Amino acid sequence: MRPSRNGLVSWLPIAEGLTMHGLRHGRQAMMDGGRIAMALKLLIMGHINATISARYGHVTPELVAELRALDSRPWRESQLRRWEMSPRSSVPLLDAALQVLTKEVEDDRR
């Protein structure tokens, strides 16, 4: 983190050119691609939409489950790619996660 001109703290980007605004656009595109219902997208993005159709939209447990499944796929894929590189890490938190994944992979193979 680094202080900005106004004294507030800001995060350094993890990749050149990566911004919170860009991440929000990516998040919206991901939900659009996953056919997530408008009511849930509005809730997640923090937008207020005054149209009649938005007024009647409702977030259901099924919609939330769809979003969780959509969110989980890239995370799981990235975990598996990291595990394939090496199932261990010198970083304790990552190593613990990789050990859980090792057990899951072994269970799936049985």
PDB file of N, CA and C in Angstrom:
ATOM      1  N   MET A   1       0.849  -1.174   0.000  1.00  0.00           N
ATOM      2  CA  MET A   1       0.000   0.000   0.000  1.00  0.00           C
ATOM      3  C   MET A   1       0.890   1.231   0.000  1.00  0.00           C
ATOM      4  N   ARG A   2       0.353   2.293  -0.532  1.00  0.00           N
ATOM      5  CA  ARG A   2       1.095   3.543  -0.546  1.00  0.00           C
ATOM      6  C   ARG A   2       0.125   4.698  -0.341  1.00  0.00           C
ATOM      7  N   PRO A   3       0.581   5.791   0.310  1.00  0.00           N
ATOM      8  CA  PRO A   3      -0.308   6.947   0.479  1.00  0.00           C
ATOM      9  C   PRO A   3      -0.493   7.664  -0.851  1.00  0.00           C
ATOM     10  N   SER A   4      -1.685   8.159  -1.080  1.00  0.00           N
ATOM     11  CA  SER A   4      -1.940   8.946  -2.277  1.00  0.00           C
ATOM     12  C   SER A   4      -1.756  10.424  -1.938  1.00  0.00           C
ATOM     13  N   ARG A   5      -1.952  11.289  -2.925  1.00  0.00           N
ATOM     14  CA  ARG A   5      -1.739  12.725  -2.711  1.00  0.00           C
ATOM     15  C   ARG A   5      -2.606  13.291  -1.600  1.00  0.00           C
ATOM     16  N   ASN A   6      -3.814  12.747  -1.432  1.00  0.00           N
ATOM     17  CA  ASN A   6      -4.700  13.292  -0.408  1.00  0.00           C
ATOM     18  C   ASN A   6      -4.498  12.625   0.954  1.00  0.00           C
ATOM     19  N   GLY A   7      -3.462  11.780   1.070  1.00  0.00           N
ATOM     20  CA  GLY A   7      -3.142  11.172   2.356  1.00  0.00           C
ATOM     21  C   GLY A   7      -3.833   9.853   2.605  1.00  0.00           C
ATOM     22  N   LEU A   8      -4.753   9.480   1.750  1.00  0.00           N
ATOM     23  CA  LEU A   8      -5.420   8.197   1.908  1.00  0.00           C
ATOM     24  C   LEU A   8      -4.508   7.090   1.402  1.00  0.00           C
ATOM     25  N   VAL A   9      -4.743   5.890   1.864  1.00  0.00           N
ATOM     26  CA  VAL A   9      -3.940   4.752   1.430  1.00  0.00           C
ATOM     27  C   VAL A   9      -4.556   4.174   0.165  1.00  0.00           C
ATOM     28  N   SER A  10      -3.712   3.782  -0.773  1.00  0.00           N
ATOM     29  CA  SER A  10      -4.206   3.119  -1.979  1.00  0.00           C
ATOM     30  C   SER A  10      -3.380   1.869  -2.204  1.00  0.00           C
ATOM     31  N   TRP A  11      -3.936   0.920  -2.905  1.00  0.00           N
ATOM     32  CA  TRP A  11      -3.250  -0.329  -3.196  1.00  0.00           C
ATOM     33  C   TRP A  11      -2.428  -0.184  -4.456  1.00  0.00           C
ATOM     34  N   LEU A  12      -1.223  -0.714  -4.427  1.00  0.00           N
ATOM     35  CA  LEU A  12      -0.443  -0.788  -5.651  1.00  0.00           C
ATOM     36  C   LEU A  12      -1.063  -1.865  -6.539  1.00  0.00           C
ATOM     37  N   PRO A  13      -1.065  -1.673  -7.845  1.00  0.00           N
ATOM     38  CA  PRO A  13      -1.650  -2.696  -8.714  1.00  0.00           C
ATOM     39  C   PRO A  13      -0.829  -3.977  -8.697  1.00  0.00           C
ATOM     40  N   ILE A  14      -1.507  -5.124  -8.812  1.00  0.00           N
ATOM     41  CA  ILE A  14      -0.787  -6.396  -8.884  1.00  0.00           C
ATOM     42  C   ILE A  14      -0.305  -6.658 -10.307  1.00  0.00           C
ATOM     43  N   ALA A  15      -0.828  -5.907 -11.254  1.00  0.00           N
ATOM     44  CA  ALA A  15      -0.393  -5.986 -12.644  1.00  0.00           C
ATOM     45  C   ALA A  15      -0.431  -4.573 -13.213  1.00  0.00           C
ATOM     46  N   GLU A  16       0.486  -4.282 -14.111  1.00  0.00           N
ATOM     47  CA  GLU A  16       0.545  -2.948 -14.695  1.00  0.00           C
ATOM     48  C   GLU A  16      -0.776  -2.605 -15.370  1.00  0.00           C
ATOM     49  N   GLY A  17      -1.311  -1.444 -15.029  1.00  0.00           N
ATOM     50  CA  GLY A  17      -2.557  -0.979 -15.646  1.00  0.00           C
ATOM     51  C   GLY A  17      -3.830  -1.509 -14.992  1.00  0.00           C
ATOM     52  N   LEU A  18      -3.700  -2.381 -14.000  1.00  0.00           N
ATOM     53  CA  LEU A  18      -4.878  -2.943 -13.339  1.00  0.00           C
ATOM     54  C   LEU A  18      -5.441  -1.926 -12.360  1.00  0.00           C
ATOM     55  N   THR A  19      -6.723  -1.639 -12.462  1.00  0.00           N
ATOM     56  CA  THR A  19      -7.371  -0.675 -11.579  1.00  0.00           C
ATOM     57  C   THR A  19      -8.628  -1.287 -10.988  1.00  0.00           C
ATOM     58  N   MET A  20      -9.099  -0.710  -9.890  1.00  0.00           N
ATOM     59  CA  MET A  20     -10.363  -1.169  -9.311  1.00  0.00           C
ATOM     60  C   MET A  20     -11.498  -0.984 -10.306  1.00  0.00           C
ATOM     61  N   HIS A  21     -11.467   0.110 -11.049  1.00  0.00           N
ATOM     62  CA  HIS A  21     -12.511   0.349 -12.053  1.00  0.00           C
ATOM     63  C   HIS A  21     -12.488  -0.765 -13.109  1.00  0.00           C
ATOM     64  N   GLY A  22     -11.305  -1.132 -13.541  1.00  0.00           N
ATOM     65  CA  GLY A  22     -11.185  -2.220 -14.511  1.00  0.00           C
ATOM     66  C   GLY A  22     -11.667  -3.540 -13.948  1.00  0.00           C
ATOM     67  N   LEU A  23     -11.374  -3.794 -12.672  1.00  0.00           N
ATOM     68  CA  LEU A  23     -11.848  -5.018 -12.036  1.00  0.00           C
ATOM     69  C   LEU A  23     -13.370  -5.044 -11.959  1.00  0.00           C
ATOM     70  N   ARG A  24     -13.981  -3.895 -11.711  1.00  0.00           N
ATOM     71  CA  ARG A  24     -15.454  -3.828 -11.674  1.00  0.00           C
ATOM     72  C   ARG A  24     -16.036  -4.164 -13.045  1.00  0.00           C
ATOM     73  N   HIS A  25     -15.395  -3.646 -14.099  1.00  0.00           N
ATOM     74  CA  HIS A  25     -15.866  -3.981 -15.447  1.00  0.00           C
ATOM     75  C   HIS A  25     -15.727  -5.483 -15.705  1.00  0.00           C
ATOM     76  N   GLY A  26     -14.616  -6.036 -15.275  1.00  0.00           N
ATOM     77  CA  GLY A  26     -14.408  -7.474 -15.442  1.00  0.00           C
ATOM     78  C   GLY A  26     -15.433  -8.285 -14.673  1.00  0.00           C
ATOM     79  N   ARG A  27     -15.731  -7.829 -13.468  1.00  0.00           N
ATOM     80  CA  ARG A  27     -16.731  -8.514 -12.637  1.00  0.00           C
ATOM     81  C   ARG A  27     -18.097  -8.486 -13.312  1.00  0.00           C
ATOM     82  N   GLN A  28     -18.460  -7.328 -13.836  1.00  0.00           N
ATOM     83  CA  GLN A  28     -19.738  -7.202 -14.529  1.00  0.00           C
ATOM     84  C   GLN A  28     -19.773  -8.134 -15.748  1.00  0.00           C
ATOM     85  N   ALA A  29     -18.693  -8.151 -16.515  1.00  0.00           N
ATOM     86  CA  ALA A  29     -18.641  -9.005 -17.710  1.00  0.00           C
ATOM     87  C   ALA A  29     -18.732 -10.480 -17.320  1.00  0.00           C
ATOM     88  N   MET A  30     -18.079 -10.851 -16.223  1.00  0.00           N
ATOM     89  CA  MET A  30     -18.139 -12.236 -15.765  1.00  0.00           C
ATOM     90  C   MET A  30     -19.575 -12.626 -15.398  1.00  0.00           C
ATOM     91  N   MET A  31     -20.259 -11.737 -14.694  1.00  0.00           N
ATOM     92  CA  MET A  31     -21.646 -12.031 -14.313  1.00  0.00           C
ATOM     93  C   MET A  31     -22.547 -12.056 -15.551  1.00  0.00           C
ATOM     94  N   ASP A  32     -22.304 -11.144 -16.499  1.00  0.00           N
ATOM     95  CA  ASP A  32     -23.096 -11.154 -17.731  1.00  0.00           C
ATOM     96  C   ASP A  32     -22.895 -12.468 -18.476  1.00  0.00           C
ATOM     97  N   GLY A  33     -21.638 -12.900 -18.571  1.00  0.00           N
ATOM     98  CA  GLY A  33     -21.339 -14.150 -19.260  1.00  0.00           C
ATOM     99  C   GLY A  33     -21.919 -15.357 -18.559  1.00  0.00           C
ATOM    100  N   GLY A  34     -22.080 -15.256 -17.255  1.00  0.00           N
ATOM    101  CA  GLY A  34     -22.653 -16.351 -16.482  1.00  0.00           C
ATOM    102  C   GLY A  34     -24.163 -16.292 -16.389  1.00  0.00           C
ATOM    103  N   ARG A  35     -24.745 -15.345 -17.113  1.00  0.00           N
ATOM    104  CA  ARG A  35     -26.201 -15.183 -17.141  1.00  0.00           C
ATOM    105  C   ARG A  35     -26.771 -14.984 -15.727  1.00  0.00           C
ATOM    106  N   ILE A  36     -26.070 -14.201 -14.919  1.00  0.00           N
ATOM    107  CA  ILE A  36     -26.535 -13.885 -13.570  1.00  0.00           C
ATOM    108  C   ILE A  36     -27.676 -12.867 -13.693  1.00  0.00           C
ATOM    109  N   ALA A  37     -28.712 -13.069 -12.927  1.00  0.00           N
ATOM    110  CA  ALA A  37     -29.897 -12.211 -12.989  1.00  0.00           C
ATOM    111  C   ALA A  37     -29.564 -10.762 -12.638  1.00  0.00           C
ATOM    112  N   MET A  38     -30.253  -9.846 -13.297  1.00  0.00           N
ATOM    113  CA  MET A  38     -30.024  -8.410 -13.114  1.00  0.00           C
ATOM    114  C   MET A  38     -30.133  -7.997 -11.648  1.00  0.00           C
ATOM    115  N   ALA A  39     -31.099  -8.515 -10.922  1.00  0.00           N
ATOM    116  CA  ALA A  39     -31.281  -8.118  -9.524  1.00  0.00           C
ATOM    117  C   ALA A  39     -30.040  -8.437  -8.693  1.00  0.00           C
ATOM    118  N   LEU A  40     -29.441  -9.588  -8.931  1.00  0.00           N
ATOM    119  CA  LEU A  40     -28.248  -9.965  -8.183  1.00  0.00           C
ATOM    120  C   LEU A  40     -27.044  -9.139  -8.646  1.00  0.00           C
ATOM    121  N   LYS A  41     -26.939  -8.868  -9.944  1.00  0.00           N
ATOM    122  CA  LYS A  41     -25.839  -8.030 -10.436  1.00  0.00           C
ATOM    123  C   LYS A  41     -25.906  -6.631  -9.819  1.00  0.00           C
ATOM    124  N   LEU A  42     -27.106  -6.077  -9.726  1.00  0.00           N
ATOM    125  CA  LEU A  42     -27.259  -4.752  -9.129  1.00  0.00           C
ATOM    126  C   LEU A  42     -26.808  -4.761  -7.673  1.00  0.00           C
ATOM    127  N   LEU A  43     -27.171  -5.816  -6.966  1.00  0.00           N
ATOM    128  CA  LEU A  43     -26.786  -5.928  -5.562  1.00  0.00           C
ATOM    129  C   LEU A  43     -25.269  -6.029  -5.421  1.00  0.00           C
ATOM    130  N   ILE A  44     -24.647  -6.885  -6.203  1.00  0.00           N
ATOM    131  CA  ILE A  44     -23.204  -7.095  -6.127  1.00  0.00           C
ATOM    132  C   ILE A  44     -22.442  -5.831  -6.506  1.00  0.00           C
ATOM    133  N   MET A  45     -22.880  -5.162  -7.579  1.00  0.00           N
ATOM    134  CA  MET A  45     -22.166  -3.985  -8.073  1.00  0.00           C
ATOM    135  C   MET A  45     -22.490  -2.723  -7.271  1.00  0.00           C
ATOM    136  N   GLY A  46     -23.548  -2.778  -6.449  1.00  0.00           N
ATOM    137  CA  GLY A  46     -23.924  -1.619  -5.657  1.00  0.00           C
ATOM    138  C   GLY A  46     -24.610  -0.534  -6.469  1.00  0.00           C
ATOM    139  N   HIS A  47     -25.175  -0.928  -7.597  1.00  0.00           N
ATOM    140  CA  HIS A  47     -25.859   0.037  -8.451  1.00  0.00           C
ATOM    141  C   HIS A  47     -27.321   0.147  -8.061  1.00  0.00           C
ATOM    142  N   ILE A  48     -27.902   1.310  -8.302  1.00  0.00           N
ATOM    143  CA  ILE A  48     -29.342   1.511  -8.116  1.00  0.00           C
ATOM    144  C   ILE A  48     -29.929   1.708  -9.498  1.00  0.00           C
ATOM    145  N   ASN A  49     -30.907   0.881  -9.826  1.00  0.00           N
ATOM    146  CA  ASN A  49     -31.537   0.965 -11.134  1.00  0.00           C
ATOM    147  C   ASN A  49     -33.021   1.228 -10.906  1.00  0.00           C
ATOM    148  N   ALA A  50     -33.512   2.346 -11.392  1.00  0.00           N
ATOM    149  CA  ALA A  50     -34.882   2.763 -11.105  1.00  0.00           C
ATOM    150  C   ALA A  50     -35.890   2.265 -12.135  1.00  0.00           C
ATOM    151  N   THR A  51     -35.487   1.385 -13.036  1.00  0.00           N
ATOM    152  CA  THR A  51     -36.452   0.912 -14.037  1.00  0.00           C
ATOM    153  C   THR A  51     -37.483  -0.006 -13.389  1.00  0.00           C
ATOM    154  N   ILE A  52     -38.614  -0.136 -14.047  1.00  0.00           N
ATOM    155  CA  ILE A  52     -39.691  -0.993 -13.533  1.00  0.00           C
ATOM    156  C   ILE A  52     -39.219  -2.435 -13.393  1.00  0.00           C
ATOM    157  N   SER A  53     -38.498  -2.935 -14.376  1.00  0.00           N
ATOM    158  CA  SER A  53     -38.079  -4.342 -14.322  1.00  0.00           C
ATOM    159  C   SER A  53     -37.149  -4.605 -13.133  1.00  0.00           C
ATOM    160  N   ALA A  54     -36.264  -3.655 -12.820  1.00  0.00           N
ATOM    161  CA  ALA A  54     -35.360  -3.845 -11.686  1.00  0.00           C
ATOM    162  C   ALA A  54     -36.123  -3.822 -10.373  1.00  0.00           C
ATOM    163  N   ARG A  55     -37.193  -3.035 -10.323  1.00  0.00           N
ATOM    164  CA  ARG A  55     -37.978  -2.940  -9.099  1.00  0.00           C
ATOM    165  C   ARG A  55     -38.586  -4.292  -8.724  1.00  0.00           C
ATOM    166  N   TYR A  56     -38.905  -5.098  -9.739  1.00  0.00           N
ATOM    167  CA  TYR A  56     -39.552  -6.378  -9.476  1.00  0.00           C
ATOM    168  C   TYR A  56     -38.573  -7.549  -9.428  1.00  0.00           C
ATOM    169  N   GLY A  57     -37.289  -7.297  -9.616  1.00  0.00           N
ATOM    170  CA  GLY A  57     -36.299  -8.368  -9.527  1.00  0.00           C
ATOM    171  C   GLY A  57     -36.055  -8.751  -8.084  1.00  0.00           C
ATOM    172  N   HIS A  58     -35.798 -10.020  -7.854  1.00  0.00           N
ATOM    173  CA  HIS A  58     -35.538 -10.517  -6.508  1.00  0.00           C
ATOM    174  C   HIS A  58     -34.332 -11.438  -6.529  1.00  0.00           C
ATOM    175  N   VAL A  59     -33.511 -11.350  -5.508  1.00  0.00           N
ATOM    176  CA  VAL A  59     -32.377 -12.245  -5.363  1.00  0.00           C
ATOM    177  C   VAL A  59     -32.860 -13.473  -4.611  1.00  0.00           C
ATOM    178  N   THR A  60     -32.716 -14.636  -5.237  1.00  0.00           N
ATOM    179  CA  THR A  60     -33.148 -15.892  -4.627  1.00  0.00           C
ATOM    180  C   THR A  60     -31.918 -16.707  -4.218  1.00  0.00           C
ATOM    181  N   PRO A  61     -32.100 -17.674  -3.344  1.00  0.00           N
ATOM    182  CA  PRO A  61     -30.965 -18.544  -2.988  1.00  0.00           C
ATOM    183  C   PRO A  61     -30.377 -19.245  -4.217  1.00  0.00           C
ATOM    184  N   GLU A  62     -31.217 -19.577  -5.190  1.00  0.00           N
ATOM    185  CA  GLU A  62     -30.725 -20.228  -6.402  1.00  0.00           C
ATOM    186  C   GLU A  62     -29.806 -19.295  -7.201  1.00  0.00           C
ATOM    187  N   LEU A  63     -30.166 -18.015  -7.275  1.00  0.00           N
ATOM    188  CA  LEU A  63     -29.323 -17.045  -7.989  1.00  0.00           C
ATOM    189  C   LEU A  63     -27.985 -16.872  -7.289  1.00  0.00           C
ATOM    190  N   VAL A  64     -28.015 -16.831  -5.960  1.00  0.00           N
ATOM    191  CA  VAL A  64     -26.769 -16.703  -5.202  1.00  0.00           C
ATOM    192  C   VAL A  64     -25.899 -17.941  -5.421  1.00  0.00           C
ATOM    193  N   ALA A  65     -26.518 -19.132  -5.451  1.00  0.00           N
ATOM    194  CA  ALA A  65     -25.765 -20.367  -5.695  1.00  0.00           C
ATOM    195  C   ALA A  65     -25.133 -20.352  -7.088  1.00  0.00           C
ATOM    196  N   GLU A  66     -25.854 -19.827  -8.087  1.00  0.00           N
ATOM    197  CA  GLU A  66     -25.296 -19.714  -9.441  1.00  0.00           C
ATOM    198  C   GLU A  66     -24.071 -18.816  -9.442  1.00  0.00           C
ATOM    199  N   LEU A  67     -24.146 -17.700  -8.724  1.00  0.00           N
ATOM    200  CA  LEU A  67     -23.015 -16.775  -8.671  1.00  0.00           C
ATOM    201  C   LEU A  67     -21.826 -17.414  -7.964  1.00  0.00           C
ATOM    202  N   ARG A  68     -22.079 -18.125  -6.885  1.00  0.00           N
ATOM    203  CA  ARG A  68     -20.983 -18.800  -6.179  1.00  0.00           C
ATOM    204  C   ARG A  68     -20.307 -19.823  -7.080  1.00  0.00           C
ATOM    205  N   ALA A  69     -21.104 -20.575  -7.821  1.00  0.00           N
ATOM    206  CA  ALA A  69     -20.532 -21.566  -8.744  1.00  0.00           C
ATOM    207  C   ALA A  69     -19.711 -20.878  -9.833  1.00  0.00           C
ATOM    208  N   LEU A  70     -20.223 -19.768 -10.355  1.00  0.00           N
ATOM    209  CA  LEU A  70     -19.504 -19.008 -11.376  1.00  0.00           C
ATOM    210  C   LEU A  70     -18.188 -18.480 -10.814  1.00  0.00           C
ATOM    211  N   ASP A  71     -18.209 -17.969  -9.593  1.00  0.00           N
ATOM    212  CA  ASP A  71     -17.005 -17.445  -8.960  1.00  0.00           C
ATOM    213  C   ASP A  71     -15.998 -18.550  -8.649  1.00  0.00           C
ATOM    214  N   SER A  72     -16.477 -19.724  -8.324  1.00  0.00           N
ATOM    215  CA  SER A  72     -15.603 -20.812  -7.886  1.00  0.00           C
ATOM    216  C   SER A  72     -14.801 -21.429  -9.024  1.00  0.00           C
ATOM    217  N   ARG A  73     -15.344 -21.454 -10.235  1.00  0.00           N
ATOM    218  CA  ARG A  73     -14.650 -22.119 -11.343  1.00  0.00           C
ATOM    219  C   ARG A  73     -13.258 -21.552 -11.605  1.00  0.00           C
ATOM    220  N   PRO A  74     -13.094 -20.236 -11.828  1.00  0.00           N
ATOM    221  CA  PRO A  74     -11.734 -19.737 -12.091  1.00  0.00           C
ATOM    222  C   PRO A  74     -10.792 -19.932 -10.906  1.00  0.00           C
ATOM    223  N   TRP A  75     -11.305 -19.801  -9.692  1.00  0.00           N
ATOM    224  CA  TRP A  75     -10.483 -20.004  -8.498  1.00  0.00           C
ATOM    225  C   TRP A  75      -9.987 -21.434  -8.437  1.00  0.00           C
ATOM    226  N   ARG A  76     -10.883 -22.377  -8.643  1.00  0.00           N
ATOM    227  CA  ARG A  76     -10.521 -23.800  -8.596  1.00  0.00           C
ATOM    228  C   ARG A  76      -9.513 -24.129  -9.701  1.00  0.00           C
ATOM    229  N   GLU A  77      -9.753 -23.597 -10.897  1.00  0.00           N
ATOM    230  CA  GLU A  77      -8.834 -23.847 -12.010  1.00  0.00           C
ATOM    231  C   GLU A  77      -7.442 -23.295 -11.708  1.00  0.00           C
ATOM    232  N   SER A  78      -7.383 -22.106 -11.107  1.00  0.00           N
ATOM    233  CA  SER A  78      -6.076 -21.524 -10.788  1.00  0.00           C
ATOM    234  C   SER A  78      -5.386 -22.330  -9.684  1.00  0.00           C
ATOM    235  N   GLN A  79      -6.152 -22.822  -8.723  1.00  0.00           N
ATOM    236  CA  GLN A  79      -5.570 -23.671  -7.679  1.00  0.00           C
ATOM    237  C   GLN A  79      -4.979 -24.935  -8.288  1.00  0.00           C
ATOM    238  N   LEU A  80      -5.714 -25.560  -9.195  1.00  0.00           N
ATOM    239  CA  LEU A  80      -5.232 -26.798  -9.812  1.00  0.00           C
ATOM    240  C   LEU A  80      -3.980 -26.548 -10.653  1.00  0.00           C
ATOM    241  N   ARG A  81      -3.954 -25.416 -11.391  1.00  0.00           N
ATOM    242  CA  ARG A  81      -2.751 -25.096 -12.174  1.00  0.00           C
ATOM    243  C   ARG A  81      -1.546 -24.900 -11.257  1.00  0.00           C
ATOM    244  N   ARG A  82      -1.755 -24.222 -10.123  1.00  0.00           N
ATOM    245  CA  ARG A  82      -0.658 -24.020  -9.165  1.00  0.00           C
ATOM    246  C   ARG A  82      -0.222 -25.350  -8.569  1.00  0.00           C
ATOM    247  N   TRP A  83      -1.163 -26.212  -8.234  1.00  0.00           N
ATOM    248  CA  TRP A  83      -0.881 -27.518  -7.649  1.00  0.00           C
ATOM    249  C   TRP A  83      -0.083 -28.382  -8.622  1.00  0.00           C
ATOM    250  N   GLU A  84      -0.414 -28.280  -9.929  1.00  0.00           N
ATOM    251  CA  GLU A  84       0.312 -29.058 -10.932  1.00  0.00           C
ATOM    252  C   GLU A  84       1.770 -28.606 -11.039  1.00  0.00           C
ATOM    253  N   MET A  85       2.037 -27.323 -10.789  1.00  0.00           N
ATOM    254  CA  MET A  85       3.419 -26.823 -10.805  1.00  0.00           C
ATOM    255  C   MET A  85       4.209 -27.436  -9.647  1.00  0.00           C
ATOM    256  N   SER A  86       3.605 -27.476  -8.485  1.00  0.00           N
ATOM    257  CA  SER A  86       4.208 -28.077  -7.301  1.00  0.00           C
ATOM    258  C   SER A  86       3.126 -28.163  -6.226  1.00  0.00           C
ATOM    259  N   PRO A  87       2.946 -29.337  -5.624  1.00  0.00           N
ATOM    260  CA  PRO A  87       1.910 -29.474  -4.597  1.00  0.00           C
ATOM    261  C   PRO A  87       2.328 -28.939  -3.221  1.00  0.00           C
ATOM    262  N   ARG A  88       3.476 -28.281  -3.143  1.00  0.00           N
ATOM    263  CA  ARG A  88       3.937 -27.695  -1.887  1.00  0.00           C
ATOM    264  C   ARG A  88       4.354 -26.253  -2.115  1.00  0.00           C
ATOM    265  N   SER A  89       4.404 -25.460  -1.018  1.00  0.00           N
ATOM    266  CA  SER A  89       4.831 -24.066  -1.079  1.00  0.00           C
ATOM    267  C   SER A  89       5.554 -23.708   0.209  1.00  0.00           C
ATOM    268  N   SER A  90       6.473 -22.771   0.120  1.00  0.00           N
ATOM    269  CA  SER A  90       7.148 -22.282   1.327  1.00  0.00           C
ATOM    270  C   SER A  90       6.299 -21.252   2.061  1.00  0.00           C
ATOM    271  N   VAL A  91       5.215 -20.821   1.421  1.00  0.00           N
ATOM    272  CA  VAL A  91       4.284 -19.880   2.054  1.00  0.00           C
ATOM    273  C   VAL A  91       3.266 -20.709   2.845  1.00  0.00           C
ATOM    274  N   PRO A  92       3.249 -20.589   4.170  1.00  0.00           N
ATOM    275  CA  PRO A  92       2.402 -21.469   4.991  1.00  0.00           C
ATOM    276  C   PRO A  92       0.921 -21.507   4.586  1.00  0.00           C
ATOM    277  N   LEU A  93       0.330 -20.353   4.323  1.00  0.00           N
ATOM    278  CA  LEU A  93      -1.084 -20.329   3.972  1.00  0.00           C
ATOM    279  C   LEU A  93      -1.343 -21.053   2.653  1.00  0.00           C
ATOM    280  N   LEU A  94      -0.490 -20.805   1.667  1.00  0.00           N
ATOM    281  CA  LEU A  94      -0.637 -21.479   0.375  1.00  0.00           C
ATOM    282  C   LEU A  94      -0.361 -22.969   0.514  1.00  0.00           C
ATOM    283  N   ASP A  95       0.648 -23.323   1.307  1.00  0.00           N
ATOM    284  CA  ASP A  95       0.960 -24.735   1.493  1.00  0.00           C
ATOM    285  C   ASP A  95      -0.221 -25.479   2.120  1.00  0.00           C
ATOM    286  N   ALA A  96      -0.868 -24.861   3.088  1.00  0.00           N
ATOM    287  CA  ALA A  96      -2.036 -25.495   3.719  1.00  0.00           C
ATOM    288  C   ALA A  96      -3.151 -25.701   2.695  1.00  0.00           C
ATOM    289  N   ALA A  97      -3.394 -24.692   1.853  1.00  0.00           N
ATOM    290  CA  ALA A  97      -4.426 -24.818   0.824  1.00  0.00           C
ATOM    291  C   ALA A  97      -4.064 -25.908  -0.178  1.00  0.00           C
ATOM    292  N   LEU A  98      -2.783 -25.991  -0.538  1.00  0.00           N
ATOM    293  CA  LEU A  98      -2.346 -27.019  -1.486  1.00  0.00           C
ATOM    294  C   LEU A  98      -2.468 -28.417  -0.884  1.00  0.00           C
ATOM    295  N   GLN A  99      -2.252 -28.540   0.414  1.00  0.00           N
ATOM    296  CA  GLN A  99      -2.399 -29.850   1.050  1.00  0.00           C
ATOM    297  C   GLN A  99      -3.859 -30.305   1.056  1.00  0.00           C
ATOM    298  N   VAL A 100      -4.773 -29.372   1.264  1.00  0.00           N
ATOM    299  CA  VAL A 100      -6.201 -29.696   1.174  1.00  0.00           C
ATOM    300  C   VAL A 100      -6.527 -30.134  -0.250  1.00  0.00           C
ATOM    301  N   LEU A 101      -5.993 -29.421  -1.222  1.00  0.00           N
ATOM    302  CA  LEU A 101      -6.234 -29.758  -2.624  1.00  0.00           C
ATOM    303  C   LEU A 101      -5.637 -31.123  -2.963  1.00  0.00           C
ATOM    304  N   THR A 102      -4.461 -31.434  -2.426  1.00  0.00           N
ATOM    305  CA  THR A 102      -3.844 -32.747  -2.662  1.00  0.00           C
ATOM    306  C   THR A 102      -4.772 -33.855  -2.190  1.00  0.00           C
ATOM    307  N   LYS A 103      -5.352 -33.681  -1.010  1.00  0.00           N
ATOM    308  CA  LYS A 103      -6.286 -34.693  -0.486  1.00  0.00           C
ATOM    309  C   LYS A 103      -7.509 -34.816  -1.395  1.00  0.00           C
ATOM    310  N   GLU A 104      -8.052 -33.674  -1.859  1.00  0.00           N
ATOM    311  CA  GLU A 104      -9.212 -33.717  -2.742  1.00  0.00           C
ATOM    312  C   GLU A 104      -8.892 -34.409  -4.057  1.00  0.00           C
ATOM    313  N   VAL A 105      -7.720 -34.133  -4.618  1.00  0.00           N
ATOM    314  CA  VAL A 105      -7.317 -34.759  -5.877  1.00  0.00           C
ATOM    315  C   VAL A 105      -7.158 -36.259  -5.678  1.00  0.00           C
ATOM    316  N   GLU A 106      -6.528 -36.646  -4.568  1.00  0.00           N
ATOM    317  CA  GLU A 106      -6.353 -38.082  -4.277  1.00  0.00           C
ATOM    318  C   GLU A 106      -7.704 -38.760  -4.098  1.00  0.00           C
ATOM    319  N   ASP A 107      -8.636 -38.105  -3.403  1.00  0.00           N
ATOM    320  CA  ASP A 107      -9.979 -38.670  -3.210  1.00  0.00           C
ATOM    321  C   ASP A 107     -10.708 -38.821  -4.539  1.00  0.00           C
ATOM    322  N   ASP A 108     -10.548 -37.837  -5.435  1.00  0.00           N
ATOM    323  CA  ASP A 108     -11.197 -37.901  -6.743  1.00  0.00           C
ATOM    324  C   ASP A 108     -10.655 -39.033  -7.595  1.00  0.00           C
ATOM    325  N   ARG A 109      -9.390 -39.371  -7.414  1.00  0.00           N
ATOM    326  CA  ARG A 109      -8.753 -40.427  -8.201  1.00  0.00           C
ATOM    327  C   ARG A 109      -9.175 -41.820  -7.737  1.00  0.00           C
ATOM    328  N   ARG A 110      -9.706 -41.916  -6.548  1.00  0.00           N
ATOM    329  CA  ARG A 110     -10.127 -43.228  -5.998  1.00  0.00           C
ATOM    330  C   ARG A 110     -11.457 -43.657  -6.519  1.00  0.00           C
TER     331      ARG A 110
END
